[in-house]
Amino acid sequence: MNTFSTKRTIIAGIISGIAVNIAGFFTFALLGMGLNFNGILLRPGLQNEKIIAVWKTLEPLPLAVTAPVVIALGYLLLAVVYAFVYRWIAPVMPQGIKARALRISLFFITTFLFWELNTPINLFSEPFPLAALDVLYFIIMACAGAFAMAWAFERRRK
């Protein structure tokens, strides 16, 4: 039986979305791209010139550059949707924040891997080491969102 209210589900999703955005800022914005677009993911000689052009010169520039709030809100919305998935599958998951977070993180990771495979790898031929770094950053984001979500749902359960 489901014991989570819609309000609690939305709040858990928002908390999760905030965690995803914070993790994304520290991984992709600070480390990967660099605040001045000089991070490892945009370094000439390491990165494919096509990807560098998409992020720096090819118009229209990505929303992550021109309107990052749109992307942040998208991650928040995605996390709220995943909170409803969590609520739906919670009755069959083992108890505990860690066990549940690890399982819901697979939903996040699957979405991120789908993106990575179809865009940076397929469309832009991103070099494997940088694609692997992207995946690592996405795993960090997924785990941050999943643990925040599980904590938000489970912290007051008896």
N, C-alpha and C. Protein backbone atom coordinates (compact mmCIF):
# COMPACT_ATOMS: atom_id res chain seq x y z
N MET A 1 0.84 -1.18 0.00
CA MET A 1 0.00 0.00 0.00
C MET A 1 0.88 1.25 0.00
N ASN A 2 0.48 2.24 -0.78
CA ASN A 2 1.24 3.48 -0.89
C ASN A 2 0.87 4.42 0.25
N THR A 3 1.88 4.89 0.96
CA THR A 3 1.62 5.79 2.09
C THR A 3 2.13 7.20 1.86
N PHE A 4 2.62 7.49 0.67
CA PHE A 4 3.17 8.81 0.40
C PHE A 4 2.11 9.71 -0.24
N SER A 5 1.93 10.89 0.31
CA SER A 5 0.96 11.84 -0.24
C SER A 5 1.52 12.48 -1.50
N THR A 6 0.63 13.08 -2.28
CA THR A 6 1.06 13.80 -3.47
C THR A 6 1.96 14.96 -3.09
N LYS A 7 1.60 15.67 -2.02
CA LYS A 7 2.42 16.80 -1.57
C LYS A 7 3.83 16.33 -1.21
N ARG A 8 3.92 15.26 -0.46
CA ARG A 8 5.24 14.74 -0.07
C ARG A 8 6.02 14.29 -1.30
N THR A 9 5.34 13.72 -2.27
CA THR A 9 5.99 13.27 -3.50
C THR A 9 6.56 14.45 -4.26
N ILE A 10 5.80 15.51 -4.40
CA ILE A 10 6.28 16.70 -5.10
C ILE A 10 7.45 17.33 -4.36
N ILE A 11 7.36 17.41 -3.04
CA ILE A 11 8.45 17.98 -2.24
C ILE A 11 9.71 17.12 -2.40
N ALA A 12 9.56 15.80 -2.34
CA ALA A 12 10.71 14.91 -2.52
C ALA A 12 11.33 15.12 -3.91
N GLY A 13 10.49 15.29 -4.91
CA GLY A 13 10.99 15.55 -6.26
C GLY A 13 11.74 16.86 -6.35
N ILE A 14 11.23 17.88 -5.71
CA ILE A 14 11.91 19.19 -5.72
C ILE A 14 13.25 19.10 -5.01
N ILE A 15 13.28 18.45 -3.85
CA ILE A 15 14.54 18.27 -3.12
C ILE A 15 15.54 17.51 -3.99
N SER A 16 15.06 16.47 -4.64
CA SER A 16 15.92 15.68 -5.52
C SER A 16 16.42 16.53 -6.69
N GLY A 17 15.54 17.31 -7.29
CA GLY A 17 15.93 18.16 -8.41
C GLY A 17 16.96 19.20 -8.02
N ILE A 18 16.84 19.73 -6.81
CA ILE A 18 17.85 20.68 -6.32
C ILE A 18 19.19 19.98 -6.19
N ALA A 19 19.19 18.76 -5.65
CA ALA A 19 20.44 18.00 -5.51
C ALA A 19 21.06 17.70 -6.87
N VAL A 20 20.24 17.33 -7.85
CA VAL A 20 20.74 17.07 -9.21
C VAL A 20 21.38 18.33 -9.77
N ASN A 21 20.72 19.47 -9.61
CA ASN A 21 21.25 20.72 -10.13
C ASN A 21 22.55 21.12 -9.44
N ILE A 22 22.63 20.96 -8.14
CA ILE A 22 23.87 21.29 -7.43
C ILE A 22 25.01 20.38 -7.90
N ALA A 23 24.73 19.09 -7.98
CA ALA A 23 25.76 18.15 -8.46
C ALA A 23 26.17 18.47 -9.89
N GLY A 24 25.20 18.82 -10.73
CA GLY A 24 25.50 19.18 -12.11
C GLY A 24 26.34 20.44 -12.21
N PHE A 25 26.08 21.39 -11.32
CA PHE A 25 26.88 22.62 -11.32
C PHE A 25 28.34 22.31 -10.97
N PHE A 26 28.54 21.52 -9.92
CA PHE A 26 29.91 21.22 -9.50
C PHE A 26 30.65 20.32 -10.49
N THR A 27 29.95 19.39 -11.12
CA THR A 27 30.62 18.48 -12.05
C THR A 27 30.77 19.11 -13.44
N PHE A 28 29.66 19.42 -14.08
CA PHE A 28 29.73 19.91 -15.45
C PHE A 28 30.15 21.38 -15.53
N ALA A 29 29.50 22.25 -14.78
CA ALA A 29 29.78 23.68 -14.93
C ALA A 29 31.17 24.06 -14.42
N LEU A 30 31.53 23.61 -13.22
CA LEU A 30 32.83 23.99 -12.68
C LEU A 30 33.98 23.16 -13.24
N LEU A 31 33.85 21.84 -13.18
CA LEU A 31 34.96 20.98 -13.58
C LEU A 31 34.98 20.70 -15.08
N GLY A 32 33.85 20.31 -15.63
CA GLY A 32 33.81 19.86 -17.02
C GLY A 32 33.93 20.98 -18.04
N MET A 33 33.03 21.93 -17.96
CA MET A 33 33.01 23.03 -18.93
C MET A 33 33.90 24.19 -18.48
N GLY A 34 33.94 24.41 -17.19
CA GLY A 34 34.66 25.57 -16.67
C GLY A 34 33.79 26.80 -16.80
N LEU A 35 33.86 27.67 -15.83
CA LEU A 35 33.01 28.87 -15.86
C LEU A 35 33.34 29.77 -17.04
N ASN A 36 34.57 29.69 -17.55
CA ASN A 36 34.96 30.47 -18.73
C ASN A 36 35.06 29.59 -19.97
N PHE A 37 34.41 28.43 -19.93
CA PHE A 37 34.43 27.46 -21.04
C PHE A 37 35.84 27.02 -21.39
N ASN A 38 36.65 26.80 -20.36
CA ASN A 38 38.01 26.31 -20.57
C ASN A 38 38.26 25.01 -19.81
N GLY A 39 37.18 24.32 -19.43
CA GLY A 39 37.30 23.06 -18.70
C GLY A 39 37.71 21.91 -19.61
N ILE A 40 37.95 20.78 -19.00
CA ILE A 40 38.47 19.61 -19.73
C ILE A 40 37.53 19.15 -20.85
N LEU A 41 36.23 19.32 -20.67
CA LEU A 41 35.29 18.86 -21.70
C LEU A 41 35.26 19.76 -22.93
N LEU A 42 35.92 20.91 -22.87
CA LEU A 42 35.95 21.82 -24.02
C LEU A 42 37.37 22.16 -24.45
N ARG A 43 38.34 21.36 -24.05
CA ARG A 43 39.73 21.64 -24.39
C ARG A 43 40.08 21.19 -25.80
N PRO A 44 40.54 22.14 -26.63
CA PRO A 44 41.01 21.76 -27.96
C PRO A 44 42.14 20.73 -27.83
N GLY A 45 42.15 19.78 -28.72
CA GLY A 45 43.15 18.72 -28.65
C GLY A 45 42.64 17.50 -27.90
N LEU A 46 41.74 17.72 -26.96
CA LEU A 46 41.11 16.61 -26.24
C LEU A 46 39.70 16.35 -26.76
N GLN A 47 38.97 17.44 -26.96
CA GLN A 47 37.56 17.35 -27.34
C GLN A 47 37.41 17.48 -28.85
N ASN A 48 36.38 16.87 -29.37
CA ASN A 48 36.01 16.97 -30.78
C ASN A 48 35.64 18.43 -31.08
N GLU A 49 36.14 18.94 -32.19
CA GLU A 49 35.88 20.35 -32.56
C GLU A 49 34.39 20.63 -32.75
N LYS A 50 33.64 19.63 -33.17
CA LYS A 50 32.20 19.80 -33.36
C LYS A 50 31.52 20.15 -32.03
N ILE A 51 31.90 19.45 -30.97
CA ILE A 51 31.31 19.73 -29.65
C ILE A 51 31.72 21.11 -29.16
N ILE A 52 32.98 21.46 -29.36
CA ILE A 52 33.45 22.79 -28.94
C ILE A 52 32.66 23.86 -29.67
N ALA A 53 32.43 23.68 -30.97
CA ALA A 53 31.66 24.66 -31.74
C ALA A 53 30.23 24.77 -31.24
N VAL A 54 29.61 23.64 -30.91
CA VAL A 54 28.23 23.67 -30.41
C VAL A 54 28.15 24.51 -29.13
N TRP A 55 29.10 24.33 -28.24
CA TRP A 55 29.06 25.03 -26.96
C TRP A 55 29.52 26.48 -27.03
N LYS A 56 30.38 26.80 -28.01
CA LYS A 56 30.99 28.14 -28.00
C LYS A 56 30.58 29.05 -29.15
N THR A 57 30.36 28.50 -30.34
CA THR A 57 30.18 29.39 -31.50
C THR A 57 28.96 29.12 -32.36
N LEU A 58 28.54 27.90 -32.49
CA LEU A 58 27.44 27.55 -33.39
C LEU A 58 26.12 28.08 -32.83
N GLU A 59 25.48 28.95 -33.59
CA GLU A 59 24.21 29.53 -33.16
C GLU A 59 23.05 28.64 -33.56
N PRO A 60 22.00 28.57 -32.78
CA PRO A 60 21.88 29.14 -31.45
C PRO A 60 22.68 28.31 -30.44
N LEU A 61 23.26 29.00 -29.49
CA LEU A 61 24.02 28.32 -28.43
C LEU A 61 23.06 27.50 -27.56
N PRO A 62 23.56 26.47 -26.90
CA PRO A 62 22.70 25.65 -26.04
C PRO A 62 22.02 26.47 -24.94
N LEU A 63 20.84 26.03 -24.55
CA LEU A 63 20.12 26.69 -23.46
C LEU A 63 20.94 26.69 -22.17
N ALA A 64 21.76 25.67 -21.98
CA ALA A 64 22.60 25.63 -20.78
C ALA A 64 23.54 26.84 -20.72
N VAL A 65 23.82 27.44 -21.87
CA VAL A 65 24.67 28.62 -21.95
C VAL A 65 23.83 29.89 -21.90
N THR A 66 22.76 29.94 -22.71
CA THR A 66 21.99 31.17 -22.86
C THR A 66 20.87 31.33 -21.83
N ALA A 67 20.33 30.23 -21.34
CA ALA A 67 19.22 30.28 -20.37
C ALA A 67 19.32 29.07 -19.44
N PRO A 68 20.35 29.02 -18.60
CA PRO A 68 20.56 27.84 -17.75
C PRO A 68 19.40 27.53 -16.81
N VAL A 69 18.59 28.52 -16.51
CA VAL A 69 17.44 28.29 -15.63
C VAL A 69 16.47 27.30 -16.28
N VAL A 70 16.35 27.34 -17.59
CA VAL A 70 15.46 26.41 -18.29
C VAL A 70 15.92 24.97 -18.06
N ILE A 71 17.21 24.74 -18.15
CA ILE A 71 17.76 23.40 -17.92
C ILE A 71 17.58 23.00 -16.46
N ALA A 72 17.83 23.92 -15.55
CA ALA A 72 17.65 23.63 -14.12
C ALA A 72 16.20 23.26 -13.83
N LEU A 73 15.26 23.99 -14.41
CA LEU A 73 13.85 23.67 -14.21
C LEU A 73 13.49 22.33 -14.85
N GLY A 74 14.12 22.01 -15.97
CA GLY A 74 13.91 20.71 -16.59
C GLY A 74 14.36 19.57 -15.69
N TYR A 75 15.53 19.73 -15.07
CA TYR A 75 15.99 18.71 -14.12
C TYR A 75 15.05 18.60 -12.93
N LEU A 76 14.53 19.73 -12.47
CA LEU A 76 13.57 19.71 -11.36
C LEU A 76 12.31 18.96 -11.75
N LEU A 77 11.79 19.25 -12.92
CA LEU A 77 10.58 18.57 -13.40
C LEU A 77 10.82 17.07 -13.56
N LEU A 78 11.96 16.71 -14.13
CA LEU A 78 12.30 15.30 -14.29
C LEU A 78 12.36 14.61 -12.92
N ALA A 79 12.93 15.27 -11.94
CA ALA A 79 13.02 14.69 -10.60
C ALA A 79 11.64 14.52 -9.97
N VAL A 80 10.74 15.45 -10.21
CA VAL A 80 9.37 15.30 -9.68
C VAL A 80 8.70 14.10 -10.34
N VAL A 81 8.88 13.93 -11.64
CA VAL A 81 8.33 12.75 -12.32
C VAL A 81 8.91 11.48 -11.71
N TYR A 82 10.22 11.46 -11.49
CA TYR A 82 10.85 10.28 -10.88
C TYR A 82 10.38 10.06 -9.45
N ALA A 83 10.00 11.12 -8.76
CA ALA A 83 9.45 10.95 -7.41
C ALA A 83 8.12 10.19 -7.47
N PHE A 84 7.34 10.44 -8.50
CA PHE A 84 6.10 9.68 -8.66
C PHE A 84 6.40 8.22 -9.02
N VAL A 85 7.45 7.99 -9.80
CA VAL A 85 7.87 6.61 -10.07
C VAL A 85 8.31 5.95 -8.77
N TYR A 86 9.08 6.67 -7.97
CA TYR A 86 9.53 6.15 -6.67
C TYR A 86 8.32 5.76 -5.82
N ARG A 87 7.35 6.65 -5.75
CA ARG A 87 6.14 6.39 -4.96
C ARG A 87 5.43 5.14 -5.45
N TRP A 88 5.43 4.95 -6.75
CA TRP A 88 4.74 3.81 -7.35
C TRP A 88 5.46 2.50 -7.05
N ILE A 89 6.80 2.51 -7.10
CA ILE A 89 7.55 1.26 -6.90
C ILE A 89 8.02 1.04 -5.47
N ALA A 90 7.85 2.03 -4.60
CA ALA A 90 8.32 1.91 -3.21
C ALA A 90 7.80 0.66 -2.49
N PRO A 91 6.55 0.27 -2.69
CA PRO A 91 6.07 -0.91 -1.96
C PRO A 91 6.84 -2.20 -2.26
N VAL A 92 7.50 -2.29 -3.40
CA VAL A 92 8.24 -3.51 -3.72
C VAL A 92 9.75 -3.36 -3.54
N MET A 93 10.19 -2.20 -3.09
CA MET A 93 11.62 -1.99 -2.85
C MET A 93 11.96 -2.38 -1.42
N PRO A 94 13.20 -2.79 -1.19
CA PRO A 94 13.61 -3.06 0.19
C PRO A 94 13.60 -1.77 1.00
N GLN A 95 13.48 -1.90 2.29
CA GLN A 95 13.44 -0.74 3.18
C GLN A 95 14.83 -0.11 3.28
N GLY A 96 14.84 1.17 3.60
CA GLY A 96 16.10 1.87 3.86
C GLY A 96 16.44 2.88 2.78
N ILE A 97 17.02 3.98 3.22
CA ILE A 97 17.37 5.06 2.30
C ILE A 97 18.39 4.59 1.27
N LYS A 98 19.45 3.93 1.71
CA LYS A 98 20.50 3.51 0.79
C LYS A 98 19.97 2.53 -0.26
N ALA A 99 19.25 1.52 0.18
CA ALA A 99 18.73 0.51 -0.75
C ALA A 99 17.79 1.13 -1.78
N ARG A 100 16.95 2.01 -1.33
CA ARG A 100 15.99 2.64 -2.25
C ARG A 100 16.67 3.66 -3.16
N ALA A 101 17.63 4.39 -2.61
CA ALA A 101 18.35 5.38 -3.42
C ALA A 101 19.12 4.70 -4.54
N LEU A 102 19.76 3.59 -4.24
CA LEU A 102 20.51 2.88 -5.28
C LEU A 102 19.58 2.42 -6.40
N ARG A 103 18.39 2.00 -6.06
CA ARG A 103 17.45 1.54 -7.09
C ARG A 103 16.89 2.69 -7.92
N ILE A 104 16.50 3.77 -7.28
CA ILE A 104 15.94 4.89 -8.05
C ILE A 104 17.04 5.59 -8.85
N SER A 105 18.29 5.50 -8.39
CA SER A 105 19.38 6.11 -9.16
C SER A 105 19.50 5.47 -10.54
N LEU A 106 19.08 4.21 -10.66
CA LEU A 106 19.12 3.55 -11.97
C LEU A 106 18.20 4.23 -12.98
N PHE A 107 17.08 4.79 -12.51
CA PHE A 107 16.20 5.53 -13.42
C PHE A 107 16.89 6.79 -13.93
N PHE A 108 17.51 7.51 -13.00
CA PHE A 108 18.25 8.71 -13.40
C PHE A 108 19.37 8.34 -14.37
N ILE A 109 20.17 7.35 -14.00
CA ILE A 109 21.33 6.97 -14.80
C ILE A 109 20.90 6.53 -16.20
N THR A 110 19.82 5.78 -16.30
CA THR A 110 19.34 5.33 -17.61
C THR A 110 19.01 6.52 -18.50
N THR A 111 18.35 7.51 -17.96
CA THR A 111 18.02 8.71 -18.74
C THR A 111 19.29 9.40 -19.22
N PHE A 112 20.24 9.56 -18.31
CA PHE A 112 21.49 10.24 -18.67
C PHE A 112 22.29 9.43 -19.70
N LEU A 113 22.32 8.11 -19.56
CA LEU A 113 23.04 7.27 -20.52
C LEU A 113 22.39 7.33 -21.90
N PHE A 114 21.06 7.36 -21.93
CA PHE A 114 20.35 7.50 -23.20
C PHE A 114 20.78 8.78 -23.91
N TRP A 115 20.82 9.87 -23.15
CA TRP A 115 21.26 11.16 -23.70
C TRP A 115 22.69 11.06 -24.20
N GLU A 116 23.59 10.53 -23.38
CA GLU A 116 25.01 10.47 -23.73
C GLU A 116 25.23 9.65 -25.00
N LEU A 117 24.57 8.53 -25.10
CA LEU A 117 24.72 7.66 -26.27
C LEU A 117 24.21 8.34 -27.54
N ASN A 118 23.06 9.00 -27.45
CA ASN A 118 22.43 9.54 -28.64
C ASN A 118 22.92 10.91 -29.06
N THR A 119 23.52 11.66 -28.16
CA THR A 119 23.94 13.00 -28.55
C THR A 119 25.47 13.13 -28.58
N PRO A 120 26.17 13.23 -27.45
CA PRO A 120 27.62 13.41 -27.56
C PRO A 120 28.34 12.29 -28.31
N ILE A 121 27.95 11.04 -28.07
CA ILE A 121 28.65 9.93 -28.72
C ILE A 121 28.20 9.78 -30.17
N ASN A 122 26.91 9.70 -30.41
CA ASN A 122 26.39 9.45 -31.75
C ASN A 122 26.51 10.68 -32.66
N LEU A 123 25.95 11.79 -32.26
CA LEU A 123 25.91 12.97 -33.14
C LEU A 123 27.24 13.69 -33.25
N PHE A 124 27.99 13.73 -32.15
CA PHE A 124 29.19 14.56 -32.12
C PHE A 124 30.50 13.79 -32.04
N SER A 125 30.45 12.47 -32.02
CA SER A 125 31.67 11.64 -31.96
C SER A 125 32.61 12.07 -30.85
N GLU A 126 32.05 12.26 -29.66
CA GLU A 126 32.88 12.66 -28.53
C GLU A 126 33.90 11.56 -28.24
N PRO A 127 35.16 11.93 -28.00
CA PRO A 127 36.18 10.92 -27.68
C PRO A 127 35.79 10.11 -26.44
N PHE A 128 36.11 8.82 -26.47
CA PHE A 128 35.69 7.92 -25.40
C PHE A 128 36.09 8.40 -24.00
N PRO A 129 37.33 8.84 -23.77
CA PRO A 129 37.67 9.26 -22.40
C PRO A 129 36.79 10.40 -21.88
N LEU A 130 36.44 11.34 -22.76
CA LEU A 130 35.58 12.45 -22.33
C LEU A 130 34.14 12.00 -22.18
N ALA A 131 33.69 11.08 -23.03
CA ALA A 131 32.35 10.52 -22.86
C ALA A 131 32.27 9.77 -21.53
N ALA A 132 33.32 9.06 -21.18
CA ALA A 132 33.36 8.36 -19.89
C ALA A 132 33.32 9.35 -18.74
N LEU A 133 34.00 10.49 -18.89
CA LEU A 133 33.96 11.52 -17.86
C LEU A 133 32.55 12.10 -17.75
N ASP A 134 31.90 12.33 -18.89
CA ASP A 134 30.49 12.76 -18.88
C ASP A 134 29.64 11.78 -18.08
N VAL A 135 29.81 10.50 -18.37
CA VAL A 135 29.03 9.46 -17.69
C VAL A 135 29.31 9.50 -16.19
N LEU A 136 30.56 9.65 -15.80
CA LEU A 136 30.89 9.76 -14.37
C LEU A 136 30.16 10.95 -13.75
N TYR A 137 30.19 12.09 -14.41
CA TYR A 137 29.48 13.27 -13.90
C TYR A 137 27.98 12.99 -13.78
N PHE A 138 27.42 12.32 -14.78
CA PHE A 138 25.99 11.99 -14.72
C PHE A 138 25.69 11.01 -13.58
N ILE A 139 26.58 10.07 -13.33
CA ILE A 139 26.38 9.15 -12.21
C ILE A 139 26.38 9.91 -10.89
N ILE A 140 27.27 10.87 -10.75
CA ILE A 140 27.30 11.71 -9.54
C ILE A 140 25.98 12.46 -9.40
N MET A 141 25.49 13.04 -10.50
CA MET A 141 24.21 13.75 -10.46
C MET A 141 23.07 12.80 -10.10
N ALA A 142 23.07 11.62 -10.70
CA ALA A 142 22.02 10.63 -10.44
C ALA A 142 22.01 10.20 -8.99
N CYS A 143 23.18 9.93 -8.45
CA CYS A 143 23.25 9.49 -7.05
C CYS A 143 22.85 10.61 -6.10
N ALA A 144 23.25 11.84 -6.40
CA ALA A 144 22.85 12.97 -5.56
C ALA A 144 21.33 13.10 -5.56
N GLY A 145 20.72 13.05 -6.73
CA GLY A 145 19.27 13.16 -6.82
C GLY A 145 18.55 12.00 -6.16
N ALA A 146 19.07 10.79 -6.35
CA ALA A 146 18.42 9.60 -5.80
C ALA A 146 18.52 9.56 -4.27
N PHE A 147 19.69 9.88 -3.73
CA PHE A 147 19.82 9.87 -2.27
C PHE A 147 18.99 10.98 -1.64
N ALA A 148 18.94 12.15 -2.28
CA ALA A 148 18.10 13.23 -1.76
C ALA A 148 16.63 12.82 -1.79
N MET A 149 16.22 12.15 -2.86
CA MET A 149 14.83 11.70 -2.98
C MET A 149 14.50 10.66 -1.91
N ALA A 150 15.34 9.66 -1.79
CA ALA A 150 15.09 8.61 -0.79
C ALA A 150 15.07 9.20 0.62
N TRP A 151 15.98 10.12 0.89
CA TRP A 151 15.99 10.78 2.21
C TRP A 151 14.68 11.54 2.43
N ALA A 152 14.24 12.29 1.42
CA ALA A 152 13.02 13.08 1.56
C ALA A 152 11.80 12.20 1.80
N PHE A 153 11.76 11.04 1.17
CA PHE A 153 10.64 10.13 1.36
C PHE A 153 10.74 9.36 2.68
N GLU A 154 11.91 8.90 3.03
CA GLU A 154 12.05 7.91 4.09
C GLU A 154 12.45 8.47 5.45
N ARG A 155 12.86 9.71 5.55
CA ARG A 155 13.42 10.23 6.80
C ARG A 155 12.46 10.18 7.97
N ARG A 156 11.17 10.27 7.74
CA ARG A 156 10.20 10.27 8.85
C ARG A 156 9.38 9.00 8.93
N ARG A 157 9.75 8.01 8.16
CA ARG A 157 9.01 6.74 8.23
C ARG A 157 9.41 5.97 9.45
N LYS A 158 8.45 5.25 9.99
CA LYS A 158 8.71 4.45 11.19
C LYS A 158 8.76 3.01 10.85
